Each structure stands twice: as structure tokens, then as C-alpha cells.
Amino acid sequence: MMTDPISDFLTRIRNGLMSRHETVSMPSSKMKICIAEILKDEGYIVDCSVEENGITKTLIINLKYDGNQMPVIDSLRRISKPGLRIYRGASDMPEVRGGVGMAVVSTSRGVMTNAAARKQNVGGEVLCYIW
């Protein structure tokens, strides 16, 4: 049993980038798919897809590198953990690395970036920082 699936998601991406893998795969969930879609929309990964293997579903993420084969994602950091949840209001949304990075926030209107949450004037649980 996994205690923190989002942390596992981020660690698999981090390990794949450090090993220069083209793709990483992991067990799929709705939250992981939402976060992967945000990473794709913001240009941090190339693509994501869900593959069905009978009963189980696997999330496959195609990692993105620049022209020098350096990862586009510099770092991923889990903020809200199962033992200590971190919530922020719309006016208190964190700004990651002076606006260069982004925070992924779970709100009542779905999972979105900190900029989108600020624009829609909603607060929520700050899941992770990516830069």
C-alpha cells in the first residue's frame, strides 16, 4: 500500500529525468492524470497517456529535454503531505521562483496552477512546486 501517491508520482518523474529516460510509467489515478495534463499544458513534459492492462491502468509520461539533453524540469517538490496539509487562499497563492516556476493546487474547481487559481479567485491545497 502506498501512503502518498503524488509523492511517488513526482519521484518517478525526478528519477526518470536524472536517468535521462524518454518515458516513465506508474499506476494511474485521476489526480495523477490531472497533474500530468497540467505539466503537458505548461510545457514541462511532451505528452501523457493512459494504457489499460486488463483491470489496472498505467500512466505513461514522455519526458521533455532541451537541445543539450538537459531536463526541462529543474526540480519538483511536494508541499502538502498526508501528515501536514497546506492550504492557501486565493490572495495567498505562492509564487514559485519569482514566477518562473509554478505550483499545482487542488481547488474546489479542480486541479490547476497557482496562476489559474489566482485568476479564478479560488484557494485550495498546494500539492507541489515545479520549476
C-alpha atoms as a PDB file:
ATOM      1  CA  MET A   1       0.000   0.000   0.000  1.00  0.00           C
ATOM      2  CA  MET A   2       1.278   3.436  -0.959  1.00  0.00           C
ATOM      3  CA  THR A   3       0.853   6.238   1.590  1.00  0.00           C
ATOM      4  CA  ASP A   4       1.471   9.192  -0.735  1.00  0.00           C
ATOM      5  CA  PRO A   5       0.782   8.518  -4.431  1.00  0.00           C
ATOM      6  CA  ILE A   6       1.519  12.107  -5.516  1.00  0.00           C
ATOM      7  CA  SER A   7       4.950  11.952  -3.899  1.00  0.00           C
ATOM      8  CA  ASP A   8       5.569   8.668  -5.724  1.00  0.00           C
ATOM      9  CA  PHE A   9       4.450  10.351  -8.984  1.00  0.00           C
ATOM     10  CA  LEU A  10       6.924  13.213  -8.517  1.00  0.00           C
ATOM     11  CA  THR A  11       9.744  10.853  -7.500  1.00  0.00           C
ATOM     12  CA  ARG A  12       9.259   8.681 -10.583  1.00  0.00           C
ATOM     13  CA  ILE A  13       9.458  11.759 -12.821  1.00  0.00           C
ATOM     14  CA  ARG A  14      12.537  13.041 -10.938  1.00  0.00           C
ATOM     15  CA  ASN A  15      14.293   9.664 -11.207  1.00  0.00           C
ATOM     16  CA  GLY A  16      13.428   9.346 -14.890  1.00  0.00           C
ATOM     17  CA  LEU A  17      14.865  12.784 -15.617  1.00  0.00           C
ATOM     18  CA  MET A  18      18.070  12.050 -13.702  1.00  0.00           C
ATOM     19  CA  SER A  19      18.481   8.777 -15.641  1.00  0.00           C
ATOM     20  CA  ARG A  20      17.663  10.518 -18.961  1.00  0.00           C
ATOM     21  CA  HIS A  21      14.744   8.170 -19.724  1.00  0.00           C
ATOM     22  CA  GLU A  22      12.370   9.047 -22.551  1.00  0.00           C
ATOM     23  CA  THR A  23       9.288   7.812 -20.675  1.00  0.00           C
ATOM     24  CA  VAL A  24       8.257   6.869 -17.156  1.00  0.00           C
ATOM     25  CA  SER A  25       5.269   4.749 -16.187  1.00  0.00           C
ATOM     26  CA  MET A  26       3.300   4.440 -12.983  1.00  0.00           C
ATOM     27  CA  PRO A  27      -0.086   3.310 -11.676  1.00  0.00           C
ATOM     28  CA  SER A  28      -2.763   5.723 -12.863  1.00  0.00           C
ATOM     29  CA  SER A  29      -5.240   7.780 -10.828  1.00  0.00           C
ATOM     30  CA  LYS A  30      -7.469  10.764 -11.575  1.00  0.00           C
ATOM     31  CA  MET A  31      -5.242  13.123  -9.570  1.00  0.00           C
ATOM     32  CA  LYS A  32      -2.052  11.965 -11.335  1.00  0.00           C
ATOM     33  CA  ILE A  33      -3.702  12.370 -14.738  1.00  0.00           C
ATOM     34  CA  CYS A  34      -4.787  15.924 -13.842  1.00  0.00           C
ATOM     35  CA  ILE A  35      -1.288  16.866 -12.687  1.00  0.00           C
ATOM     36  CA  ALA A  36       0.249  15.290 -15.817  1.00  0.00           C
ATOM     37  CA  GLU A  37      -2.159  17.250 -18.043  1.00  0.00           C
ATOM     38  CA  ILE A  38      -1.119  20.473 -16.289  1.00  0.00           C
ATOM     39  CA  LEU A  39       2.557  19.608 -16.816  1.00  0.00           C
ATOM     40  CA  LYS A  40       1.820  18.976 -20.506  1.00  0.00           C
ATOM     41  CA  ASP A  41      -0.135  22.237 -20.919  1.00  0.00           C
ATOM     42  CA  GLU A  42       2.623  24.252 -19.226  1.00  0.00           C
ATOM     43  CA  GLY A  43       5.328  22.655 -21.422  1.00  0.00           C
ATOM     44  CA  TYR A  44       7.182  20.654 -18.763  1.00  0.00           C
ATOM     45  CA  ILE A  45       6.539  17.262 -20.419  1.00  0.00           C
ATOM     46  CA  VAL A  46       5.955  16.189 -24.029  1.00  0.00           C
ATOM     47  CA  ASP A  47       2.871  14.018 -23.578  1.00  0.00           C
ATOM     48  CA  CYS A  48       0.975  11.740 -21.218  1.00  0.00           C
ATOM     49  CA  SER A  49      -1.278   8.791 -21.921  1.00  0.00           C
ATOM     50  CA  VAL A  50      -3.181   6.106 -20.037  1.00  0.00           C
ATOM     51  CA  GLU A  51      -2.724   2.470 -21.023  1.00  0.00           C
ATOM     52  CA  GLU A  52      -5.162  -0.204 -19.881  1.00  0.00           C
ATOM     53  CA  ASN A  53      -3.750  -3.597 -18.885  1.00  0.00           C
ATOM     54  CA  GLY A  54      -6.822  -5.591 -18.014  1.00  0.00           C
ATOM     55  CA  ILE A  55      -8.053  -4.284 -14.677  1.00  0.00           C
ATOM     56  CA  THR A  56      -5.186  -1.885 -13.952  1.00  0.00           C
ATOM     57  CA  LYS A  57      -4.395   1.376 -15.736  1.00  0.00           C
ATOM     58  CA  THR A  58      -0.881   2.695 -16.266  1.00  0.00           C
ATOM     59  CA  LEU A  59       0.011   6.359 -16.739  1.00  0.00           C
ATOM     60  CA  ILE A  60       2.850   6.862 -19.222  1.00  0.00           C
ATOM     61  CA  ILE A  61       4.644  10.222 -19.294  1.00  0.00           C
ATOM     62  CA  ASN A  62       7.005  11.273 -22.110  1.00  0.00           C
ATOM     63  CA  LEU A  63       9.679  13.468 -20.541  1.00  0.00           C
ATOM     64  CA  LYS A  64      10.975  16.642 -22.178  1.00  0.00           C
ATOM     65  CA  TYR A  65      14.610  17.680 -22.663  1.00  0.00           C
ATOM     66  CA  ASP A  66      16.149  20.779 -24.250  1.00  0.00           C
ATOM     67  CA  GLY A  67      18.670  20.845 -27.135  1.00  0.00           C
ATOM     68  CA  ASN A  68      21.603  19.931 -24.840  1.00  0.00           C
ATOM     69  CA  GLN A  69      19.742  16.894 -23.421  1.00  0.00           C
ATOM     70  CA  MET A  70      19.169  18.733 -20.138  1.00  0.00           C
ATOM     71  CA  PRO A  71      15.767  18.183 -18.461  1.00  0.00           C
ATOM     72  CA  VAL A  72      13.210  20.978 -18.840  1.00  0.00           C
ATOM     73  CA  ILE A  73      12.097  20.338 -15.240  1.00  0.00           C
ATOM     74  CA  ASP A  74      14.804  21.552 -12.878  1.00  0.00           C
ATOM     75  CA  SER A  75      13.128  20.400  -9.676  1.00  0.00           C
ATOM     76  CA  LEU A  76       9.877  19.007  -8.255  1.00  0.00           C
ATOM     77  CA  ARG A  77       8.941  19.473  -4.608  1.00  0.00           C
ATOM     78  CA  ARG A  78       5.995  18.071  -2.667  1.00  0.00           C
ATOM     79  CA  ILE A  79       4.424  20.713  -0.416  1.00  0.00           C
ATOM     80  CA  SER A  80       1.220  19.367   1.137  1.00  0.00           C
ATOM     81  CA  LYS A  81       1.806  15.924   2.623  1.00  0.00           C
ATOM     82  CA  PRO A  82      -0.592  13.407   4.178  1.00  0.00           C
ATOM     83  CA  GLY A  83       0.701  14.276   7.659  1.00  0.00           C
ATOM     84  CA  LEU A  84       0.589  18.057   7.136  1.00  0.00           C
ATOM     85  CA  ARG A  85      -1.827  19.541   4.625  1.00  0.00           C
ATOM     86  CA  ILE A  86      -1.013  23.052   3.353  1.00  0.00           C
ATOM     87  CA  TYR A  87      -3.922  25.255   2.243  1.00  0.00           C
ATOM     88  CA  ARG A  88      -3.762  28.765   0.791  1.00  0.00           C
ATOM     89  CA  GLY A  89      -6.432  31.294  -0.050  1.00  0.00           C
ATOM     90  CA  ALA A  90      -6.673  32.974  -3.444  1.00  0.00           C
ATOM     91  CA  SER A  91      -4.808  36.071  -2.250  1.00  0.00           C
ATOM     92  CA  ASP A  92      -2.084  33.970  -0.552  1.00  0.00           C
ATOM     93  CA  MET A  93      -1.238  31.747  -3.546  1.00  0.00           C
ATOM     94  CA  PRO A  94       2.510  31.087  -3.570  1.00  0.00           C
ATOM     95  CA  GLU A  95       4.730  32.447  -6.320  1.00  0.00           C
ATOM     96  CA  VAL A  96       7.390  29.861  -7.200  1.00  0.00           C
ATOM     97  CA  ARG A  97      10.893  31.127  -8.053  1.00  0.00           C
ATOM     98  CA  GLY A  98       9.693  34.656  -8.734  1.00  0.00           C
ATOM     99  CA  GLY A  99       7.103  33.480 -11.258  1.00  0.00           C
ATOM    100  CA  VAL A 100       9.482  31.198 -13.214  1.00  0.00           C
ATOM    101  CA  GLY A 101       8.046  28.020 -11.680  1.00  0.00           C
ATOM    102  CA  MET A 102       4.524  27.004 -10.828  1.00  0.00           C
ATOM    103  CA  ALA A 103       2.548  25.480  -8.009  1.00  0.00           C
ATOM    104  CA  VAL A 104      -0.098  22.822  -8.591  1.00  0.00           C
ATOM    105  CA  VAL A 105      -3.178  23.482  -6.457  1.00  0.00           C
ATOM    106  CA  SER A 106      -6.193  21.280  -5.775  1.00  0.00           C
ATOM    107  CA  THR A 107      -9.241  23.549  -5.556  1.00  0.00           C
ATOM    108  CA  SER A 108     -12.994  23.106  -5.398  1.00  0.00           C
ATOM    109  CA  ARG A 109     -12.987  23.757  -9.167  1.00  0.00           C
ATOM    110  CA  GLY A 110     -10.408  21.055  -9.904  1.00  0.00           C
ATOM    111  CA  VAL A 111      -6.630  20.800 -10.057  1.00  0.00           C
ATOM    112  CA  MET A 112      -4.942  23.875 -11.569  1.00  0.00           C
ATOM    113  CA  THR A 113      -1.838  26.043 -11.441  1.00  0.00           C
ATOM    114  CA  ASN A 114      -1.362  28.805  -8.890  1.00  0.00           C
ATOM    115  CA  ALA A 115      -1.820  31.448 -11.625  1.00  0.00           C
ATOM    116  CA  ALA A 116      -5.142  29.950 -12.736  1.00  0.00           C
ATOM    117  CA  ALA A 117      -6.337  29.725  -9.115  1.00  0.00           C
ATOM    118  CA  ARG A 118      -5.402  33.362  -8.522  1.00  0.00           C
ATOM    119  CA  LYS A 119      -7.209  34.382 -11.733  1.00  0.00           C
ATOM    120  CA  GLN A 120     -10.370  32.444 -10.779  1.00  0.00           C
ATOM    121  CA  ASN A 121     -10.106  33.774  -7.192  1.00  0.00           C
ATOM    122  CA  VAL A 122     -10.142  30.321  -5.530  1.00  0.00           C
ATOM    123  CA  GLY A 123      -7.904  28.845  -2.868  1.00  0.00           C
ATOM    124  CA  GLY A 124      -7.028  25.257  -2.120  1.00  0.00           C
ATOM    125  CA  GLU A 125      -4.438  22.674  -1.166  1.00  0.00           C
ATOM    126  CA  VAL A 126      -0.944  23.377  -2.552  1.00  0.00           C
ATOM    127  CA  LEU A 127       0.177  19.978  -3.853  1.00  0.00           C
ATOM    128  CA  CYS A 128       3.649  20.673  -5.287  1.00  0.00           C
ATOM    129  CA  TYR A 129       6.096  23.185  -6.749  1.00  0.00           C
ATOM    130  CA  ILE A 130       7.681  22.654 -10.161  1.00  0.00           C
ATOM    131  CA  TRP A 131      10.445  24.748 -11.699  1.00  0.00           C
END
